C-alpha atoms as a PDB file:
ATOM      1  CA  MET A   1    -110.366  -3.507 -24.647  1.00  0.00           C
ATOM      2  CA  GLU A   2    -113.561  -4.897 -23.170  1.00  0.00           C
ATOM      3  CA  PRO A   3    -113.863  -3.889 -19.488  1.00  0.00           C
ATOM      4  CA  ARG A   4    -114.282  -6.961 -17.286  1.00  0.00           C
ATOM      5  CA  ILE A   5    -112.799  -8.909 -14.388  1.00  0.00           C
ATOM      6  CA  ASP A   6    -112.137 -12.601 -14.961  1.00  0.00           C
ATOM      7  CA  VAL A   7    -110.021 -13.694 -11.991  1.00  0.00           C
ATOM      8  CA  LEU A   8    -110.049 -12.749  -8.309  1.00  0.00           C
ATOM      9  CA  THR A   9    -107.047 -14.072  -6.391  1.00  0.00           C
ATOM     10  CA  ILE A  10    -106.930 -14.426  -2.630  1.00  0.00           C
ATOM     11  CA  ALA A  11    -103.492 -14.556  -1.026  1.00  0.00           C
ATOM     12  CA  VAL A  12    -103.526 -17.280   1.627  1.00  0.00           C
ATOM     13  CA  ALA A  13    -101.135 -18.390   4.344  1.00  0.00           C
ATOM     14  CA  ASP A  14    -101.906 -22.109   4.014  1.00  0.00           C
ATOM     15  CA  LEU A  15    -103.087 -23.334   0.608  1.00  0.00           C
ATOM     16  CA  GLU A  16    -104.399 -26.704   1.847  1.00  0.00           C
ATOM     17  CA  ARG A  17    -106.350 -25.098   4.710  1.00  0.00           C
ATOM     18  CA  ALA A  18    -107.843 -22.525   2.337  1.00  0.00           C
ATOM     19  CA  LEU A  19    -108.755 -25.282  -0.144  1.00  0.00           C
ATOM     20  CA  GLU A  20    -110.571 -27.199   2.582  1.00  0.00           C
ATOM     21  CA  PHE A  21    -112.459 -24.094   3.711  1.00  0.00           C
ATOM     22  CA  TYR A  22    -113.672 -23.007   0.279  1.00  0.00           C
ATOM     23  CA  ARG A  23    -114.240 -26.501  -1.164  1.00  0.00           C
ATOM     24  CA  ASP A  24    -115.448 -28.504   1.828  1.00  0.00           C
ATOM     25  CA  GLY A  25    -116.854 -25.701   3.951  1.00  0.00           C
ATOM     26  CA  LEU A  26    -118.452 -23.427   1.350  1.00  0.00           C
ATOM     27  CA  GLY A  27    -119.073 -26.068  -1.304  1.00  0.00           C
ATOM     28  CA  LEU A  28    -117.160 -24.540  -4.216  1.00  0.00           C
ATOM     29  CA  GLU A  29    -116.070 -27.062  -6.839  1.00  0.00           C
ATOM     30  CA  THR A  30    -112.423 -27.404  -7.833  1.00  0.00           C
ATOM     31  CA  ARG A  31    -109.843 -29.857  -9.127  1.00  0.00           C
ATOM     32  CA  GLY A  32    -107.794 -29.035  -6.018  1.00  0.00           C
ATOM     33  CA  VAL A  33    -104.215 -27.837  -5.951  1.00  0.00           C
ATOM     34  CA  THR A  34    -102.809 -27.654  -9.474  1.00  0.00           C
ATOM     35  CA  ALA A  35     -99.575 -26.528 -11.137  1.00  0.00           C
ATOM     36  CA  THR A  36     -97.414 -28.089  -8.417  1.00  0.00           C
ATOM     37  CA  GLU A  37     -94.858 -29.026 -11.069  1.00  0.00           C
ATOM     38  CA  PHE A  38     -93.810 -25.369 -11.265  1.00  0.00           C
ATOM     39  CA  VAL A  39     -91.336 -24.999  -8.420  1.00  0.00           C
ATOM     40  CA  GLY A  40     -90.278 -21.509  -7.403  1.00  0.00           C
ATOM     41  CA  ASP A  41     -87.216 -20.177  -5.671  1.00  0.00           C
ATOM     42  CA  GLU A  42     -86.375 -17.111  -3.596  1.00  0.00           C
ATOM     43  CA  VAL A  43     -87.132 -14.779  -6.519  1.00  0.00           C
ATOM     44  CA  ASN A  44     -89.510 -16.660  -8.828  1.00  0.00           C
ATOM     45  CA  ALA A  45     -92.974 -17.713  -7.754  1.00  0.00           C
ATOM     46  CA  ALA A  46     -94.044 -21.339  -7.525  1.00  0.00           C
ATOM     47  CA  GLY A  47     -97.135 -22.364  -9.452  1.00  0.00           C
ATOM     48  CA  ALA A  48     -99.241 -24.263  -6.896  1.00  0.00           C
ATOM     49  CA  VAL A  49    -102.707 -22.708  -7.002  1.00  0.00           C
ATOM     50  CA  VAL A  50    -106.355 -23.604  -6.391  1.00  0.00           C
ATOM     51  CA  MET A  51    -109.004 -22.354  -8.808  1.00  0.00           C
ATOM     52  CA  PHE A  52    -112.763 -22.367  -8.574  1.00  0.00           C
ATOM     53  CA  LYS A  53    -114.783 -21.702 -11.713  1.00  0.00           C
ATOM     54  CA  LEU A  54    -117.753 -19.590 -10.676  1.00  0.00           C
ATOM     55  CA  GLN A  55    -120.767 -18.348 -12.614  1.00  0.00           C
ATOM     56  CA  GLU A  56    -120.350 -16.702 -15.997  1.00  0.00           C
ATOM     57  CA  GLY A  57    -116.686 -17.695 -16.237  1.00  0.00           C
ATOM     58  CA  LEU A  58    -115.453 -15.819 -13.173  1.00  0.00           C
ATOM     59  CA  ILE A  59    -112.536 -17.594 -11.492  1.00  0.00           C
ATOM     60  CA  LEU A  60    -111.682 -17.396  -7.799  1.00  0.00           C
ATOM     61  CA  SER A  61    -108.109 -18.466  -7.171  1.00  0.00           C
ATOM     62  CA  LEU A  62    -106.219 -19.168  -3.974  1.00  0.00           C
ATOM     63  CA  TYR A  63    -102.478 -18.553  -4.080  1.00  0.00           C
ATOM     64  CA  PRO A  64     -99.899 -18.586  -1.279  1.00  0.00           C
ATOM     65  CA  ARG A  65     -99.163 -15.063  -0.001  1.00  0.00           C
ATOM     66  CA  THR A  66     -95.426 -15.515  -0.391  1.00  0.00           C
ATOM     67  CA  GLU A  67     -95.794 -16.624  -3.999  1.00  0.00           C
ATOM     68  CA  LEU A  68     -98.254 -13.874  -4.947  1.00  0.00           C
ATOM     69  CA  ALA A  69     -95.819 -11.262  -3.649  1.00  0.00           C
ATOM     70  CA  LYS A  70     -93.013 -12.792  -5.750  1.00  0.00           C
ATOM     71  CA  ASP A  71     -95.262 -13.097  -8.803  1.00  0.00           C
ATOM     72  CA  ALA A  72     -96.411  -9.464  -8.550  1.00  0.00           C
ATOM     73  CA  LYS A  73     -92.888  -8.275  -7.698  1.00  0.00           C
ATOM     74  CA  VAL A  74     -94.094  -6.518  -4.545  1.00  0.00           C
ATOM     75  CA  PRO A  75     -92.614  -6.679  -1.028  1.00  0.00           C
ATOM     76  CA  PHE A  76     -93.981  -9.473   1.131  1.00  0.00           C
ATOM     77  CA  GLY A  77     -95.603  -7.965   4.201  1.00  0.00           C
ATOM     78  CA  PRO A  78     -98.012  -8.787   6.997  1.00  0.00           C
ATOM     79  CA  PRO A  79    -101.628  -9.532   6.047  1.00  0.00           C
ATOM     80  CA  LYS A  80    -104.221  -6.810   6.569  1.00  0.00           C
ATOM     81  CA  THR A  81    -107.929  -7.355   7.059  1.00  0.00           C
ATOM     82  CA  GLY A  82    -110.984  -5.294   6.284  1.00  0.00           C
ATOM     83  CA  GLU A  83    -109.818  -3.895   2.957  1.00  0.00           C
ATOM     84  CA  PHE A  84    -111.465  -6.502   0.755  1.00  0.00           C
ATOM     85  CA  SER A  85    -114.539  -8.697   0.997  1.00  0.00           C
ATOM     86  CA  ILE A  86    -116.129 -11.355  -1.145  1.00  0.00           C
ATOM     87  CA  GLY A  87    -119.893 -11.538  -1.118  1.00  0.00           C
ATOM     88  CA  GLN A  88    -122.630 -13.898  -2.131  1.00  0.00           C
ATOM     89  CA  ALA A  89    -126.047 -12.446  -2.888  1.00  0.00           C
ATOM     90  CA  VAL A  90    -128.884 -14.742  -1.898  1.00  0.00           C
ATOM     91  CA  ALA A  91    -132.644 -14.357  -2.108  1.00  0.00           C
ATOM     92  CA  SER A  92    -133.769 -14.372   1.521  1.00  0.00           C
ATOM     93  CA  LYS A  93    -132.857 -13.665   5.123  1.00  0.00           C
ATOM     94  CA  THR A  94    -133.060 -17.395   5.812  1.00  0.00           C
ATOM     95  CA  GLU A  95    -130.426 -18.051   3.141  1.00  0.00           C
ATOM     96  CA  VAL A  96    -128.179 -15.337   4.609  1.00  0.00           C
ATOM     97  CA  ASP A  97    -128.439 -16.948   8.043  1.00  0.00           C
ATOM     98  CA  SER A  98    -127.826 -20.416   6.581  1.00  0.00           C
ATOM     99  CA  LEU A  99    -124.771 -19.357   4.575  1.00  0.00           C
ATOM    100  CA  LEU A 100    -123.191 -17.688   7.596  1.00  0.00           C
ATOM    101  CA  ALA A 101    -123.878 -20.779   9.719  1.00  0.00           C
ATOM    102  CA  GLU A 102    -122.228 -22.977   7.076  1.00  0.00           C
ATOM    103  CA  ALA A 103    -119.201 -20.684   6.927  1.00  0.00           C
ATOM    104  CA  GLN A 104    -118.884 -20.722  10.710  1.00  0.00           C
ATOM    105  CA  ALA A 105    -119.160 -24.525  10.805  1.00  0.00           C
ATOM    106  CA  ALA A 106    -116.346 -24.654   8.232  1.00  0.00           C
ATOM    107  CA  GLY A 107    -114.044 -22.582  10.430  1.00  0.00           C
ATOM    108  CA  ALA A 108    -114.982 -18.979   9.673  1.00  0.00           C
ATOM    109  CA  THR A 109    -115.310 -16.373  12.399  1.00  0.00           C
ATOM    110  CA  ILE A 110    -118.530 -14.358  12.354  1.00  0.00           C
ATOM    111  CA  THR A 111    -117.519 -10.699  12.587  1.00  0.00           C
ATOM    112  CA  ASP A 112    -120.976  -9.160  12.185  1.00  0.00           C
ATOM    113  CA  ARG A 113    -124.153 -11.119  12.766  1.00  0.00           C
ATOM    114  CA  PRO A 114    -126.790 -10.710  10.043  1.00  0.00           C
ATOM    115  CA  HIS A 115    -129.032  -7.684  10.392  1.00  0.00           C
ATOM    116  CA  GLN A 116    -130.923  -5.187   8.286  1.00  0.00           C
ATOM    117  CA  ARG A 117    -128.683  -2.429   6.926  1.00  0.00           C
ATOM    118  CA  PRO A 118    -130.011   1.153   6.628  1.00  0.00           C
ATOM    119  CA  TRP A 119    -129.849   0.892   2.821  1.00  0.00           C
ATOM    120  CA  GLY A 120    -132.204  -2.093   2.721  1.00  0.00           C
ATOM    121  CA  ILE A 121    -129.846  -5.069   2.612  1.00  0.00           C
ATOM    122  CA  TYR A 122    -129.954  -7.851   5.197  1.00  0.00           C
ATOM    123  CA  SER A 123    -126.392  -9.105   5.540  1.00  0.00           C
ATOM    124  CA  GLY A 124    -123.699 -10.408   7.831  1.00  0.00           C
ATOM    125  CA  TYR A 125    -119.934 -10.811   7.652  1.00  0.00           C
ATOM    126  CA  PHE A 126    -117.500 -13.602   8.376  1.00  0.00           C
ATOM    127  CA  ARG A 127    -113.729 -14.045   8.138  1.00  0.00           C
ATOM    128  CA  ASP A 128    -112.176 -17.089   6.543  1.00  0.00           C
ATOM    129  CA  PRO A 129    -109.140 -18.811   8.128  1.00  0.00           C
ATOM    130  CA  ASP A 130    -106.833 -16.326   6.337  1.00  0.00           C
ATOM    131  CA  ASP A 131    -108.787 -13.317   7.662  1.00  0.00           C
ATOM    132  CA  ILE A 132    -110.402 -12.555   4.288  1.00  0.00           C
ATOM    133  CA  ASP A 133    -113.773 -10.913   4.828  1.00  0.00           C
ATOM    134  CA  GLY A 134    -116.786 -12.635   3.346  1.00  0.00           C
ATOM    135  CA  ARG A 135    -120.320 -11.341   3.259  1.00  0.00           C
ATOM    136  CA  SER A 136    -123.682 -12.947   2.778  1.00  0.00           C
ATOM    137  CA  SER A 137    -126.367 -10.573   1.574  1.00  0.00           C
ATOM    138  CA  GLY A 138    -130.024 -10.997   0.807  1.00  0.00           C
ATOM    139  CA  THR A 139    -133.219  -9.007   0.404  1.00  0.00           C
ATOM    140  CA  PRO A 140    -133.491  -7.346  -1.915  1.00  0.00           C
ATOM    141  CA  SER A 141    -133.131 -10.285  -4.253  1.00  0.00           C
ATOM    142  CA  PRO A 142    -129.943 -10.877  -6.249  1.00  0.00           C
ATOM    143  CA  ALA A 143    -131.650  -9.140  -9.190  1.00  0.00           C
ATOM    144  CA  ALA A 144    -131.477  -5.918  -7.186  1.00  0.00           C
ATOM    145  CA  TRP A 145    -127.695  -6.180  -7.191  1.00  0.00           C
ATOM    146  CA  ARG A 146    -127.914  -5.588 -10.925  1.00  0.00           C
ATOM    147  CA  SER A 147    -130.169  -2.564 -10.514  1.00  0.00           C
ATOM    148  CA  ASP A 148    -129.351   1.074 -11.104  1.00  0.00           C
ATOM    149  CA  ARG A 149    -127.682   1.206  -7.667  1.00  0.00           C
ATOM    150  CA  VAL A 150    -124.804  -0.960  -8.811  1.00  0.00           C
ATOM    151  CA  SER A 151    -124.764  -0.293 -12.555  1.00  0.00           C
ATOM    152  CA  ALA A 152    -122.307   2.015 -14.228  1.00  0.00           C
ATOM    153  CA  PRO A 153    -123.679   5.453 -15.210  1.00  0.00           C
END
């Protein structure tokens, strides 16, 4: 098996609100809500999902929390924050500041204003409307994210 990750799924409370945030607020392209013809019940998950095709084939999907729990056959519980973040590496401090401003204008809450981290990264954090942590990072350039610091041994 070739080691890779192809799909990251975010469990959301309100699919339409999440769609608006990621599509309209952050500018990700999508066909919108799809697979609505697959209706679930108390045990089986419904199919309505939003997918964003990102670079190099990576897919970010948004799926209702209730349906993800049914699909994974795990108990539905309260959401928890701070255990997962999605980041975008950009080339400059100005781009970090701009991305965080765009996220905030789209409805995100800034949880940590951008600043220089001790390990050399300038970054800040925001929370989307479903309390998913996002991060904008810059300097060093995105190429540094592929350096020996983040590569497998």
